[in-house]
C-alpha atoms as a PDB file:
ATOM      1  CA  MET A   1     145.223 -32.775 203.187  1.00  0.00           C
ATOM      2  CA  LYS A   2     141.866 -31.246 202.228  1.00  0.00           C
ATOM      3  CA  PRO A   3     138.834 -31.945 204.401  1.00  0.00           C
ATOM      4  CA  LEU A   4     136.600 -34.673 203.040  1.00  0.00           C
ATOM      5  CA  HIS A   5     133.635 -32.331 202.682  1.00  0.00           C
ATOM      6  CA  ALA A   6     135.700 -29.967 200.485  1.00  0.00           C
ATOM      7  CA  ASP A   7     136.674 -32.841 198.161  1.00  0.00           C
ATOM      8  CA  LEU A   8     133.060 -33.977 198.000  1.00  0.00           C
ATOM      9  CA  PHE A   9     131.936 -30.463 197.118  1.00  0.00           C
ATOM     10  CA  VAL A  10     134.382 -30.223 194.174  1.00  0.00           C
ATOM     11  CA  PHE A  11     133.454 -33.731 193.010  1.00  0.00           C
ATOM     12  CA  ILE A  12     129.716 -33.035 193.138  1.00  0.00           C
ATOM     13  CA  PHE A  13     130.274 -29.700 191.376  1.00  0.00           C
ATOM     14  CA  PHE A  14     132.088 -31.452 188.505  1.00  0.00           C
ATOM     15  CA  VAL A  15     129.370 -34.096 188.230  1.00  0.00           C
ATOM     16  CA  ALA A  16     126.663 -31.357 188.195  1.00  0.00           C
ATOM     17  CA  LEU A  17     128.511 -29.539 185.366  1.00  0.00           C
ATOM     18  CA  ILE A  18     128.698 -32.750 183.331  1.00  0.00           C
ATOM     19  CA  LEU A  19     124.975 -33.421 183.843  1.00  0.00           C
ATOM     20  CA  ALA A  20     124.160 -29.838 182.880  1.00  0.00           C
ATOM     21  CA  GLY A  21     126.210 -30.241 179.714  1.00  0.00           C
ATOM     22  CA  PHE A  22     124.312 -33.421 178.854  1.00  0.00           C
ATOM     23  CA  ILE A  23     120.996 -31.600 179.202  1.00  0.00           C
ATOM     24  CA  VAL A  24     121.976 -28.472 177.250  1.00  0.00           C
ATOM     25  CA  PHE A  25     123.702 -30.309 174.390  1.00  0.00           C
ATOM     26  CA  TRP A  26     121.491 -33.398 174.326  1.00  0.00           C
ATOM     27  CA  SER A  27     120.777 -33.008 170.560  1.00  0.00           C
ATOM     28  CA  ILE A  28     124.409 -33.804 169.765  1.00  0.00           C
ATOM     29  CA  MET A  29     125.217 -35.821 172.863  1.00  0.00           C
ATOM     30  CA  ASP A  30     124.722 -39.102 171.004  1.00  0.00           C
ATOM     31  CA  MET A  31     127.730 -38.241 168.821  1.00  0.00           C
ATOM     32  CA  VAL A  32     129.787 -37.180 171.840  1.00  0.00           C
ATOM     33  CA  LEU A  33     128.971 -40.413 173.667  1.00  0.00           C
ATOM     34  CA  LEU A  34     129.718 -42.455 170.557  1.00  0.00           C
ATOM     35  CA  GLY A  35     133.044 -40.657 170.180  1.00  0.00           C
ATOM     36  CA  ALA A  36     133.853 -41.169 173.862  1.00  0.00           C
ATOM     37  CA  SER A  37     133.061 -44.894 173.721  1.00  0.00           C
ATOM     38  CA  LEU A  38     135.152 -45.350 170.572  1.00  0.00           C
ATOM     39  CA  ALA A  39     138.023 -43.367 172.156  1.00  0.00           C
ATOM     40  CA  ALA A  40     137.966 -45.578 175.238  1.00  0.00           C
ATOM     41  CA  ILE A  41     138.498 -48.769 173.193  1.00  0.00           C
ATOM     42  CA  LEU A  42     140.965 -47.186 170.761  1.00  0.00           C
ATOM     43  CA  ILE A  43     143.310 -45.595 173.298  1.00  0.00           C
ATOM     44  CA  PRO A  44     145.509 -48.762 173.420  1.00  0.00           C
ATOM     45  CA  VAL A  45     146.015 -48.405 169.657  1.00  0.00           C
ATOM     46  CA  HIS A  46     146.913 -44.757 170.220  1.00  0.00           C
ATOM     47  CA  HIS A  47     149.506 -45.799 172.824  1.00  0.00           C
ATOM     48  CA  ARG A  48     151.196 -48.173 170.394  1.00  0.00           C
ATOM     49  CA  ILE A  49     151.389 -45.616 167.607  1.00  0.00           C
ATOM     50  CA  SER A  50     152.510 -42.809 169.916  1.00  0.00           C
ATOM     51  CA  ARG A  51     155.679 -44.796 170.681  1.00  0.00           C
ATOM     52  CA  TYR A  52     156.958 -43.809 167.248  1.00  0.00           C
ATOM     53  CA  THR A  53     155.498 -40.304 166.819  1.00  0.00           C
ATOM     54  CA  LEU A  54     153.947 -37.329 168.604  1.00  0.00           C
ATOM     55  CA  PRO A  55     150.724 -37.959 170.565  1.00  0.00           C
ATOM     56  CA  GLU A  56     148.855 -35.408 168.426  1.00  0.00           C
ATOM     57  CA  ILE A  57     149.867 -37.235 165.228  1.00  0.00           C
ATOM     58  CA  SER A  58     148.982 -40.609 166.741  1.00  0.00           C
ATOM     59  CA  ALA A  59     145.523 -39.392 167.785  1.00  0.00           C
ATOM     60  CA  ALA A  60     145.012 -37.890 164.301  1.00  0.00           C
ATOM     61  CA  VAL A  61     146.025 -41.176 162.642  1.00  0.00           C
ATOM     62  CA  VAL A  62     143.562 -43.189 164.729  1.00  0.00           C
ATOM     63  CA  THR A  63     140.793 -40.652 164.116  1.00  0.00           C
ATOM     64  CA  PHE A  64     141.331 -40.551 160.371  1.00  0.00           C
ATOM     65  CA  ALA A  65     141.470 -44.359 160.286  1.00  0.00           C
ATOM     66  CA  VAL A  66     138.005 -44.431 161.863  1.00  0.00           C
ATOM     67  CA  LEU A  67     136.838 -41.732 159.443  1.00  0.00           C
ATOM     68  CA  PHE A  68     138.193 -43.696 156.471  1.00  0.00           C
ATOM     69  CA  ALA A  69     136.560 -46.920 157.666  1.00  0.00           C
ATOM     70  CA  THR A  70     133.241 -45.077 158.162  1.00  0.00           C
ATOM     71  CA  ALA A  71     133.457 -43.615 154.655  1.00  0.00           C
ATOM     72  CA  ILE A  72     134.228 -47.019 153.131  1.00  0.00           C
ATOM     73  CA  ILE A  73     131.273 -48.652 154.908  1.00  0.00           C
ATOM     74  CA  ALA A  74     128.958 -45.793 153.953  1.00  0.00           C
ATOM     75  CA  GLY A  75     130.170 -45.925 150.344  1.00  0.00           C
ATOM     76  CA  ILE A  76     129.651 -49.685 150.058  1.00  0.00           C
ATOM     77  CA  THR A  77     126.185 -49.380 151.614  1.00  0.00           C
ATOM     78  CA  LEU A  78     125.155 -46.601 149.180  1.00  0.00           C
ATOM     79  CA  LEU A  79     126.551 -48.584 146.245  1.00  0.00           C
ATOM     80  CA  ILE A  80     124.569 -51.705 147.175  1.00  0.00           C
ATOM     81  CA  VAL A  81     121.373 -49.756 147.810  1.00  0.00           C
ATOM     82  CA  SER A  82     121.692 -47.771 144.559  1.00  0.00           C
ATOM     83  CA  SER A  83     122.346 -51.000 142.610  1.00  0.00           C
ATOM     84  CA  ASN A  84     119.117 -52.484 143.967  1.00  0.00           C
ATOM     85  CA  VAL A  85     116.972 -49.352 144.104  1.00  0.00           C
ATOM     86  CA  ASN A  86     114.615 -50.909 141.529  1.00  0.00           C
ATOM     87  CA  VAL A  87     113.900 -53.772 143.949  1.00  0.00           C
ATOM     88  CA  LEU A  88     113.104 -51.310 146.749  1.00  0.00           C
ATOM     89  CA  THR A  89     111.039 -49.103 144.428  1.00  0.00           C
ATOM     90  CA  ASP A  90     108.933 -52.078 143.364  1.00  0.00           C
ATOM     91  CA  MET A  91     108.538 -53.186 146.976  1.00  0.00           C
ATOM     92  CA  PHE A  92     107.438 -49.812 148.315  1.00  0.00           C
ATOM     93  CA  GLY A  93     105.274 -49.185 145.225  1.00  0.00           C
ATOM     94  CA  THR A  94     103.457 -52.481 145.703  1.00  0.00           C
ATOM     95  CA  VAL A  95     102.861 -51.842 149.372  1.00  0.00           C
ATOM     96  CA  GLY A  96     101.712 -48.263 148.626  1.00  0.00           C
ATOM     97  CA  THR A  97      99.201 -49.468 146.015  1.00  0.00           C
ATOM     98  CA  TRP A  98      97.894 -52.056 148.474  1.00  0.00           C
ATOM     99  CA  LEU A  99      97.480 -49.459 151.236  1.00  0.00           C
ATOM    100  CA  ASN A 100      95.754 -47.018 148.921  1.00  0.00           C
ATOM    101  CA  ASP A 101      93.123 -49.605 148.036  1.00  0.00           C
ATOM    102  CA  PRO A 102      89.962 -48.665 150.037  1.00  0.00           C
ATOM    103  CA  ALA A 103      89.244 -52.359 150.542  1.00  0.00           C
ATOM    104  CA  THR A 104      92.535 -52.882 152.364  1.00  0.00           C
ATOM    105  CA  ASN A 105      92.232 -53.278 156.117  1.00  0.00           C
ATOM    106  CA  PRO A 106      95.342 -54.559 157.933  1.00  0.00           C
ATOM    107  CA  LEU A 107      93.184 -55.632 160.888  1.00  0.00           C
ATOM    108  CA  ASP A 108      91.581 -58.246 158.630  1.00  0.00           C
ATOM    109  CA  TYR A 109      94.952 -60.022 158.520  1.00  0.00           C
ATOM    110  CA  GLY A 110      95.447 -59.849 162.280  1.00  0.00           C
ATOM    111  CA  ILE A 111      97.921 -56.961 162.075  1.00  0.00           C
ATOM    112  CA  PRO A 112      97.324 -54.707 165.101  1.00  0.00           C
ATOM    113  CA  ILE A 113      98.432 -51.585 163.196  1.00  0.00           C
ATOM    114  CA  SER A 114      96.181 -49.048 161.501  1.00  0.00           C
ATOM    115  CA  LYS A 115      96.464 -48.177 157.835  1.00  0.00           C
ATOM    116  CA  SER A 116      97.648 -44.665 158.716  1.00  0.00           C
ATOM    117  CA  ASN A 117     100.506 -46.083 160.819  1.00  0.00           C
ATOM    118  CA  LEU A 118     101.538 -48.385 157.999  1.00  0.00           C
ATOM    119  CA  SER A 119     101.418 -45.465 155.559  1.00  0.00           C
ATOM    120  CA  SER A 120     103.622 -43.440 157.882  1.00  0.00           C
ATOM    121  CA  PHE A 121     106.075 -46.352 158.148  1.00  0.00           C
ATOM    122  CA  LEU A 122     106.028 -46.658 154.357  1.00  0.00           C
ATOM    123  CA  ALA A 123     106.815 -42.969 153.923  1.00  0.00           C
ATOM    124  CA  GLU A 124     109.745 -43.171 156.365  1.00  0.00           C
ATOM    125  CA  GLY A 125     111.065 -46.297 154.640  1.00  0.00           C
ATOM    126  CA  THR A 126     110.774 -44.692 151.221  1.00  0.00           C
ATOM    127  CA  ALA A 127     112.707 -41.640 152.417  1.00  0.00           C
ATOM    128  CA  LEU A 128     115.408 -43.843 153.956  1.00  0.00           C
ATOM    129  CA  PHE A 129     115.894 -46.531 151.325  1.00  0.00           C
ATOM    130  CA  VAL A 130     114.458 -45.280 148.014  1.00  0.00           C
ATOM    131  CA  ASP A 131     114.746 -41.501 148.142  1.00  0.00           C
ATOM    132  CA  TYR A 132     117.942 -41.671 150.187  1.00  0.00           C
ATOM    133  CA  GLN A 133     119.682 -39.130 147.950  1.00  0.00           C
ATOM    134  CA  LYS A 134     117.027 -36.478 148.657  1.00  0.00           C
ATOM    135  CA  THR A 135     117.074 -37.380 152.342  1.00  0.00           C
ATOM    136  CA  LEU A 136     120.842 -37.025 152.492  1.00  0.00           C
ATOM    137  CA  ILE A 137     120.787 -33.693 150.684  1.00  0.00           C
ATOM    138  CA  SER A 138     117.983 -32.250 152.818  1.00  0.00           C
ATOM    139  CA  ASN A 139     119.779 -33.277 156.000  1.00  0.00           C
ATOM    140  CA  LEU A 140     123.319 -32.687 154.726  1.00  0.00           C
ATOM    141  CA  TYR A 141     124.215 -29.828 157.092  1.00  0.00           C
ATOM    142  CA  LEU A 142     122.947 -31.704 160.156  1.00  0.00           C
ATOM    143  CA  ILE A 143     124.755 -34.887 159.123  1.00  0.00           C
ATOM    144  CA  LEU A 144     128.037 -33.034 158.492  1.00  0.00           C
ATOM    145  CA  PHE A 145     127.736 -31.198 161.791  1.00  0.00           C
ATOM    146  CA  LYS A 146     127.112 -34.394 163.726  1.00  0.00           C
ATOM    147  CA  MET A 147     130.023 -36.098 161.960  1.00  0.00           C
ATOM    148  CA  LEU A 148     132.208 -33.130 162.901  1.00  0.00           C
ATOM    149  CA  VAL A 149     131.134 -33.421 166.535  1.00  0.00           C
ATOM    150  CA  LEU A 150     131.803 -37.179 166.465  1.00  0.00           C
ATOM    151  CA  PHE A 151     135.322 -36.944 165.095  1.00  0.00           C
ATOM    152  CA  VAL A 152     136.309 -33.869 167.122  1.00  0.00           C
ATOM    153  CA  SER A 153     135.148 -35.712 170.233  1.00  0.00           C
ATOM    154  CA  LEU A 154     137.008 -38.847 169.161  1.00  0.00           C
ATOM    155  CA  PHE A 155     140.274 -36.992 168.473  1.00  0.00           C
ATOM    156  CA  SER A 156     140.077 -34.864 171.632  1.00  0.00           C
ATOM    157  CA  LEU A 157     139.352 -37.780 173.927  1.00  0.00           C
ATOM    158  CA  ILE A 158     142.002 -40.012 172.373  1.00  0.00           C
ATOM    159  CA  ARG A 159     144.581 -37.250 172.769  1.00  0.00           C
ATOM    160  CA  TRP A 160     143.567 -35.729 176.122  1.00  0.00           C
ATOM    161  CA  GLY A 161     141.075 -38.185 177.595  1.00  0.00           C
ATOM    162  CA  GLU A 162     143.480 -39.814 180.015  1.00  0.00           C
ATOM    163  CA  GLU A 163     144.814 -36.458 181.159  1.00  0.00           C
ATOM    164  CA  LEU A 164     141.278 -35.255 181.818  1.00  0.00           C
ATOM    165  CA  LYS A 165     140.568 -38.451 183.721  1.00  0.00           C
ATOM    166  CA  MET A 166     143.646 -37.935 185.920  1.00  0.00           C
ATOM    167  CA  LYS A 167     142.708 -34.321 186.636  1.00  0.00           C
ATOM    168  CA  PHE A 168     139.168 -35.371 187.454  1.00  0.00           C
ATOM    169  CA  THR A 169     140.205 -38.196 189.789  1.00  0.00           C
ATOM    170  CA  ARG A 170     142.434 -35.807 191.747  1.00  0.00           C
ATOM    171  CA  HIS A 171     139.251 -34.230 193.087  1.00  0.00           C
ATOM    172  CA  VAL A 172     137.623 -37.534 193.907  1.00  0.00           C
ATOM    173  CA  PRO A 173     137.488 -38.221 197.665  1.00  0.00           C
ATOM    174  CA  ASP A 174     139.867 -41.000 198.784  1.00  0.00           C
ATOM    175  CA  VAL A 175     136.918 -43.102 199.893  1.00  0.00           C
ATOM    176  CA  LEU A 176     135.672 -43.210 196.283  1.00  0.00           C
ATOM    177  CA  THR A 177     139.007 -43.814 194.542  1.00  0.00           C
ATOM    178  CA  GLY A 178     138.714 -47.611 194.629  1.00  0.00           C
ATOM    179  CA  TYR A 179     135.186 -47.422 193.258  1.00  0.00           C
ATOM    180  CA  ILE A 180     136.224 -45.128 190.397  1.00  0.00           C
ATOM    181  CA  ARG A 181     139.149 -47.382 189.434  1.00  0.00           C
ATOM    182  CA  LYS A 182     137.025 -50.533 189.421  1.00  0.00           C
ATOM    183  CA  LEU A 183     134.154 -48.860 187.564  1.00  0.00           C
ATOM    184  CA  SER A 184     136.579 -47.532 184.926  1.00  0.00           C
ATOM    185  CA  GLU A 185     137.807 -51.082 184.287  1.00  0.00           C
ATOM    186  CA  VAL A 186     134.265 -52.402 184.084  1.00  0.00           C
ATOM    187  CA  THR A 187     133.237 -49.556 181.746  1.00  0.00           C
ATOM    188  CA  LEU A 188     136.046 -50.326 179.296  1.00  0.00           C
ATOM    189  CA  ASP A 189     135.301 -54.044 179.391  1.00  0.00           C
ATOM    190  CA  THR A 190     131.586 -53.383 178.776  1.00  0.00           C
ATOM    191  CA  LEU A 191     132.293 -51.072 175.839  1.00  0.00           C
ATOM    192  CA  TYR A 192     134.498 -53.701 174.185  1.00  0.00           C
ATOM    193  CA  VAL A 193     131.811 -56.369 174.492  1.00  0.00           C
ATOM    194  CA  ILE A 194     128.984 -54.043 173.324  1.00  0.00           C
ATOM    195  CA  TYR A 195     130.739 -53.209 170.046  1.00  0.00           C
ATOM    196  CA  TYR A 196     132.046 -56.742 169.544  1.00  0.00           C
ATOM    197  CA  VAL A 197     128.579 -58.277 170.066  1.00  0.00           C
ATOM    198  CA  GLN A 198     126.899 -55.642 167.840  1.00  0.00           C
ATOM    199  CA  ILE A 199     129.197 -56.410 164.900  1.00  0.00           C
ATOM    200  CA  ALA A 200     129.120 -60.172 165.515  1.00  0.00           C
ATOM    201  CA  ILE A 201     125.295 -60.287 165.574  1.00  0.00           C
ATOM    202  CA  ALA A 202     125.034 -58.165 162.421  1.00  0.00           C
ATOM    203  CA  VAL A 203     127.354 -60.609 160.581  1.00  0.00           C
ATOM    204  CA  LEU A 204     125.466 -63.594 162.014  1.00  0.00           C
ATOM    205  CA  THR A 205     122.158 -62.034 160.905  1.00  0.00           C
ATOM    206  CA  PHE A 206     123.390 -61.813 157.329  1.00  0.00           C
ATOM    207  CA  PHE A 207     124.232 -65.502 157.131  1.00  0.00           C
ATOM    208  CA  ILE A 208     121.156 -66.898 158.924  1.00  0.00           C
ATOM    209  CA  ALA A 209     118.906 -64.621 156.846  1.00  0.00           C
ATOM    210  CA  LEU A 210     120.160 -66.210 153.580  1.00  0.00           C
ATOM    211  CA  PRO A 211     118.090 -69.441 153.866  1.00  0.00           C
ATOM    212  CA  VAL A 212     115.024 -67.455 154.947  1.00  0.00           C
ATOM    213  CA  PHE A 213     115.051 -65.310 151.801  1.00  0.00           C
ATOM    214  CA  TYR A 214     115.932 -68.362 149.703  1.00  0.00           C
ATOM    215  CA  LEU A 215     112.789 -70.103 150.955  1.00  0.00           C
ATOM    216  CA  LEU A 216     110.805 -66.911 150.383  1.00  0.00           C
ATOM    217  CA  GLY A 217     111.518 -67.206 146.669  1.00  0.00           C
ATOM    218  CA  TYR A 218     111.546 -63.524 145.725  1.00  0.00           C
ATOM    219  CA  GLY A 219     115.127 -63.575 144.419  1.00  0.00           C
ATOM    220  CA  ASN A 220     117.735 -60.949 145.376  1.00  0.00           C
ATOM    221  CA  ILE A 221     118.730 -63.156 148.316  1.00  0.00           C
ATOM    222  CA  ILE A 222     122.058 -61.435 148.935  1.00  0.00           C
ATOM    223  CA  PHE A 223     120.500 -57.980 148.864  1.00  0.00           C
ATOM    224  CA  TYR A 224     117.651 -58.831 151.226  1.00  0.00           C
ATOM    225  CA  SER A 225     120.140 -60.422 153.640  1.00  0.00           C
ATOM    226  CA  PHE A 226     122.412 -57.394 153.409  1.00  0.00           C
ATOM    227  CA  LEU A 227     119.462 -55.080 154.099  1.00  0.00           C
ATOM    228  CA  THR A 228     118.571 -57.154 157.172  1.00  0.00           C
ATOM    229  CA  ALA A 229     122.153 -57.136 158.441  1.00  0.00           C
ATOM    230  CA  PHE A 230     122.466 -53.368 157.789  1.00  0.00           C
ATOM    231  CA  CYS A 231     119.313 -52.678 159.808  1.00  0.00           C
ATOM    232  CA  GLU A 232     120.649 -54.921 162.585  1.00  0.00           C
ATOM    233  CA  LEU A 233     123.943 -53.014 162.642  1.00  0.00           C
ATOM    234  CA  ILE A 234     122.084 -49.723 163.266  1.00  0.00           C
ATOM    235  CA  PRO A 235     120.867 -49.975 166.879  1.00  0.00           C
ATOM    236  CA  VAL A 236     117.818 -47.707 166.430  1.00  0.00           C
ATOM    237  CA  LEU A 237     116.576 -49.858 163.525  1.00  0.00           C
ATOM    238  CA  GLY A 238     117.194 -53.570 164.116  1.00  0.00           C
ATOM    239  CA  SER A 239     116.631 -56.444 161.713  1.00  0.00           C
ATOM    240  CA  SER A 240     112.944 -56.513 162.650  1.00  0.00           C
ATOM    241  CA  VAL A 241     112.461 -53.386 160.496  1.00  0.00           C
ATOM    242  CA  ALA A 242     113.665 -55.235 157.407  1.00  0.00           C
ATOM    243  CA  PHE A 243     111.473 -58.255 158.121  1.00  0.00           C
ATOM    244  CA  PHE A 244     108.477 -56.034 158.798  1.00  0.00           C
ATOM    245  CA  LEU A 245     109.041 -54.348 155.438  1.00  0.00           C
ATOM    246  CA  VAL A 246     109.403 -57.605 153.493  1.00  0.00           C
ATOM    247  CA  GLY A 247     106.513 -59.155 155.407  1.00  0.00           C
ATOM    248  CA  THR A 248     104.249 -56.244 154.487  1.00  0.00           C
ATOM    249  CA  TYR A 249     105.373 -56.633 150.854  1.00  0.00           C
ATOM    250  CA  ALA A 250     104.427 -60.333 150.974  1.00  0.00           C
ATOM    251  CA  LEU A 251     101.059 -59.384 152.476  1.00  0.00           C
ATOM    252  CA  ALA A 252     100.492 -56.845 149.681  1.00  0.00           C
ATOM    253  CA  LEU A 253     101.214 -59.577 147.126  1.00  0.00           C
ATOM    254  CA  GLY A 254      98.711 -61.867 148.829  1.00  0.00           C
ATOM    255  CA  ASP A 255     101.496 -64.355 149.539  1.00  0.00           C
ATOM    256  CA  THR A 256     100.297 -66.036 152.744  1.00  0.00           C
ATOM    257  CA  ARG A 257     103.149 -68.556 152.636  1.00  0.00           C
ATOM    258  CA  GLY A 258     105.663 -65.727 152.420  1.00  0.00           C
ATOM    259  CA  VAL A 259     104.090 -63.965 155.408  1.00  0.00           C
ATOM    260  CA  PHE A 260     104.438 -67.141 157.525  1.00  0.00           C
ATOM    261  CA  ILE A 261     108.057 -67.599 156.432  1.00  0.00           C
ATOM    262  CA  ILE A 262     108.944 -64.005 157.264  1.00  0.00           C
ATOM    263  CA  PHE A 263     107.160 -64.082 160.621  1.00  0.00           C
ATOM    264  CA  PHE A 264     108.235 -67.470 162.009  1.00  0.00           C
ATOM    265  CA  LEU A 265     111.666 -67.930 160.397  1.00  0.00           C
ATOM    266  CA  GLY A 266     112.615 -64.297 159.816  1.00  0.00           C
ATOM    267  CA  TYR A 267     111.169 -62.235 162.615  1.00  0.00           C
ATOM    268  CA  ILE A 268     111.145 -64.824 165.426  1.00  0.00           C
ATOM    269  CA  ILE A 269     114.328 -66.804 164.669  1.00  0.00           C
ATOM    270  CA  VAL A 270     116.608 -64.353 162.835  1.00  0.00           C
ATOM    271  CA  SER A 271     115.499 -61.152 164.557  1.00  0.00           C
ATOM    272  CA  CYS A 272     114.071 -61.922 167.999  1.00  0.00           C
ATOM    273  CA  VAL A 273     116.346 -64.786 169.126  1.00  0.00           C
ATOM    274  CA  PRO A 274     119.609 -62.771 168.787  1.00  0.00           C
ATOM    275  CA  GLU A 275     118.038 -59.693 170.392  1.00  0.00           C
ATOM    276  CA  ILE A 276     116.212 -61.461 173.231  1.00  0.00           C
ATOM    277  CA  TYR A 277     118.697 -64.261 173.897  1.00  0.00           C
ATOM    278  CA  ALA A 278     122.097 -64.023 172.165  1.00  0.00           C
ATOM    279  CA  ARG A 279     122.927 -60.359 172.811  1.00  0.00           C
ATOM    280  CA  PRO A 280     121.917 -60.223 176.518  1.00  0.00           C
ATOM    281  CA  VAL A 281     123.643 -63.578 177.158  1.00  0.00           C
ATOM    282  CA  LEU A 282     126.906 -62.593 175.458  1.00  0.00           C
ATOM    283  CA  VAL A 283     127.050 -59.181 177.105  1.00  0.00           C
ATOM    284  CA  GLY A 284     125.788 -60.429 180.471  1.00  0.00           C
ATOM    285  CA  ARG A 285     128.206 -63.369 180.570  1.00  0.00           C
ATOM    286  CA  ARG A 286     131.186 -61.059 180.103  1.00  0.00           C
ATOM    287  CA  VAL A 287     130.155 -58.715 182.895  1.00  0.00           C
ATOM    288  CA  LYS A 288     128.535 -61.441 185.021  1.00  0.00           C
ATOM    289  CA  ILE A 289     125.010 -60.015 184.966  1.00  0.00           C
ATOM    290  CA  HIS A 290     121.794 -61.948 184.324  1.00  0.00           C
ATOM    291  CA  PRO A 291     120.710 -61.831 180.641  1.00  0.00           C
ATOM    292  CA  VAL A 292     117.196 -60.639 181.548  1.00  0.00           C
ATOM    293  CA  ILE A 293     118.631 -57.562 183.307  1.00  0.00           C
ATOM    294  CA  MET A 294     120.935 -56.877 180.347  1.00  0.00           C
ATOM    295  CA  PHE A 295     118.005 -57.222 177.942  1.00  0.00           C
ATOM    296  CA  ILE A 296     116.029 -54.618 179.920  1.00  0.00           C
ATOM    297  CA  GLY A 297     119.037 -52.294 179.915  1.00  0.00           C
ATOM    298  CA  ILE A 298     119.669 -52.644 176.157  1.00  0.00           C
ATOM    299  CA  ILE A 299     116.075 -52.178 175.046  1.00  0.00           C
ATOM    300  CA  SER A 300     115.302 -49.421 177.572  1.00  0.00           C
ATOM    301  CA  GLY A 301     118.401 -47.507 176.540  1.00  0.00           C
ATOM    302  CA  ILE A 302     117.552 -47.594 172.850  1.00  0.00           C
ATOM    303  CA  LEU A 303     113.882 -46.702 173.450  1.00  0.00           C
ATOM    304  CA  THR A 304     114.606 -43.739 175.741  1.00  0.00           C
ATOM    305  CA  MET A 305     117.910 -42.377 174.375  1.00  0.00           C
ATOM    306  CA  GLY A 306     118.128 -43.600 170.785  1.00  0.00           C
ATOM    307  CA  LEU A 307     121.650 -44.150 169.460  1.00  0.00           C
ATOM    308  CA  ALA A 308     123.221 -42.965 172.707  1.00  0.00           C
ATOM    309  CA  GLY A 309     121.119 -45.505 174.619  1.00  0.00           C
ATOM    310  CA  PHE A 310     122.714 -48.329 172.638  1.00  0.00           C
ATOM    311  CA  VAL A 311     125.842 -47.664 174.711  1.00  0.00           C
ATOM    312  CA  LEU A 312     124.405 -45.973 177.798  1.00  0.00           C
ATOM    313  CA  GLY A 313     121.600 -48.442 178.520  1.00  0.00           C
ATOM    314  CA  PRO A 314     123.653 -51.562 179.203  1.00  0.00           C
ATOM    315  CA  LEU A 315     126.530 -49.488 180.578  1.00  0.00           C
ATOM    316  CA  ILE A 316     124.361 -47.850 183.239  1.00  0.00           C
ATOM    317  CA  ILE A 317     122.972 -51.240 184.248  1.00  0.00           C
ATOM    318  CA  VAL A 318     126.479 -52.668 184.559  1.00  0.00           C
ATOM    319  CA  LEU A 319     127.736 -49.700 186.591  1.00  0.00           C
ATOM    320  CA  ILE A 320     124.780 -49.761 188.990  1.00  0.00           C
ATOM    321  CA  ILE A 321     125.025 -53.498 189.670  1.00  0.00           C
ATOM    322  CA  THR A 322     128.845 -53.395 189.918  1.00  0.00           C
ATOM    323  CA  SER A 323     128.626 -50.498 192.398  1.00  0.00           C
ATOM    324  CA  TYR A 324     126.130 -52.415 194.484  1.00  0.00           C
ATOM    325  CA  ARG A 325     128.329 -55.536 194.466  1.00  0.00           C
ATOM    326  CA  MET A 326     131.342 -53.508 195.535  1.00  0.00           C
ATOM    327  CA  TYR A 327     129.320 -51.923 198.354  1.00  0.00           C
ATOM    328  CA  VAL A 328     128.099 -55.312 199.638  1.00  0.00           C
ATOM    329  CA  GLN A 329     131.613 -56.804 199.408  1.00  0.00           C
ATOM    330  CA  GLU A 330     133.093 -53.880 201.291  1.00  0.00           C
ATOM    331  CA  ARG A 331     130.546 -54.263 204.116  1.00  0.00           C
ATOM    332  CA  LYS A 332     131.308 -57.966 204.325  1.00  0.00           C
ATOM    333  CA  GLU A 333     135.040 -57.292 204.552  1.00  0.00           C
ATOM    334  CA  ARG A 334     134.409 -54.801 207.356  1.00  0.00           C
ATOM    335  CA  GLY A 335     132.201 -57.370 209.079  1.00  0.00           C
ATOM    336  CA  GLU A 336     129.120 -55.115 208.949  1.00  0.00           C
ATOM    337  CA  PRO A 337     125.721 -56.813 208.735  1.00  0.00           C
ATOM    338  CA  SER A 338     123.681 -56.184 205.599  1.00  0.00           C
ATOM    339  CA  SER A 339     120.067 -57.144 204.956  1.00  0.00           C
ATOM    340  CA  LEU A 340     120.668 -56.986 201.190  1.00  0.00           C
ATOM    341  CA  SER A 341     121.994 -59.932 199.220  1.00  0.00           C
ATOM    342  CA  GLN A 342     124.331 -59.696 196.301  1.00  0.00           C
ATOM    343  CA  THR A 343     122.752 -59.565 192.818  1.00  0.00           C
END
């Protein structure tokens, strides 16, 4: 049997290499992490299919199924946006005209954002929702490369992920084996609930946004609700982006009633309540962590790491607290005193 210090050296060396890889390839690491998280929850499907065919074919089938589903969702989204591009063009045009008026001062309406910041937001929104074709073409190579990284990562980790895990755990010191096994189970459970809650809240957002846009009275109720749900589905956007856009449009029209509807019913109830209460509670309840801690992990992850932080933020919080609980429990079982109390 190898000395403990030799096992620790190999383990630390592997961890250092992984961290170095994260730093060097950070620009594409969001796609790698997304592929890894999807692979973790799709491996059971791979196991079922691989009973009837080769593992390589099974991994390819699962990967192409995800690719097909992604293409369908993207196609439907582009179709809906292109069918309502006149609505978006009118909205952004009205807001642009309002901002270009020298007499316009957002601070007069109590909006703590300068005109230049609103203009910048308007330009980004126009590029994303109105001039999406130009945006896609200008970023086509980057998008295709990131998609390639995503699906290569997904296929590779579905096919060889468990083998890599076994090889890695061979170098883990015996004292850490129990921790690694427990943390692996918690990681998988957390990933399931993160994706489940994300999709569930996006669907919920669509339905509870319908009465808000009905009361607003601008028509296109289904489209506005879809736009809100789409923004909610994308972690780095969130439904608040859609409500901020429509609220600014109402402000440009001089519709004070519409602004109040968007702020109190749209932003606070439809956007903030799910993000501040529903998501942290649903995720935290599954992993037995206080919703406030989960909220900090979710928001901090997105703010600091973007798309990757959507998964990494809450996952890191869960792993830290779970590790601490395991440490406290182990000390209790050994009868060692501890001045720390369990979280």
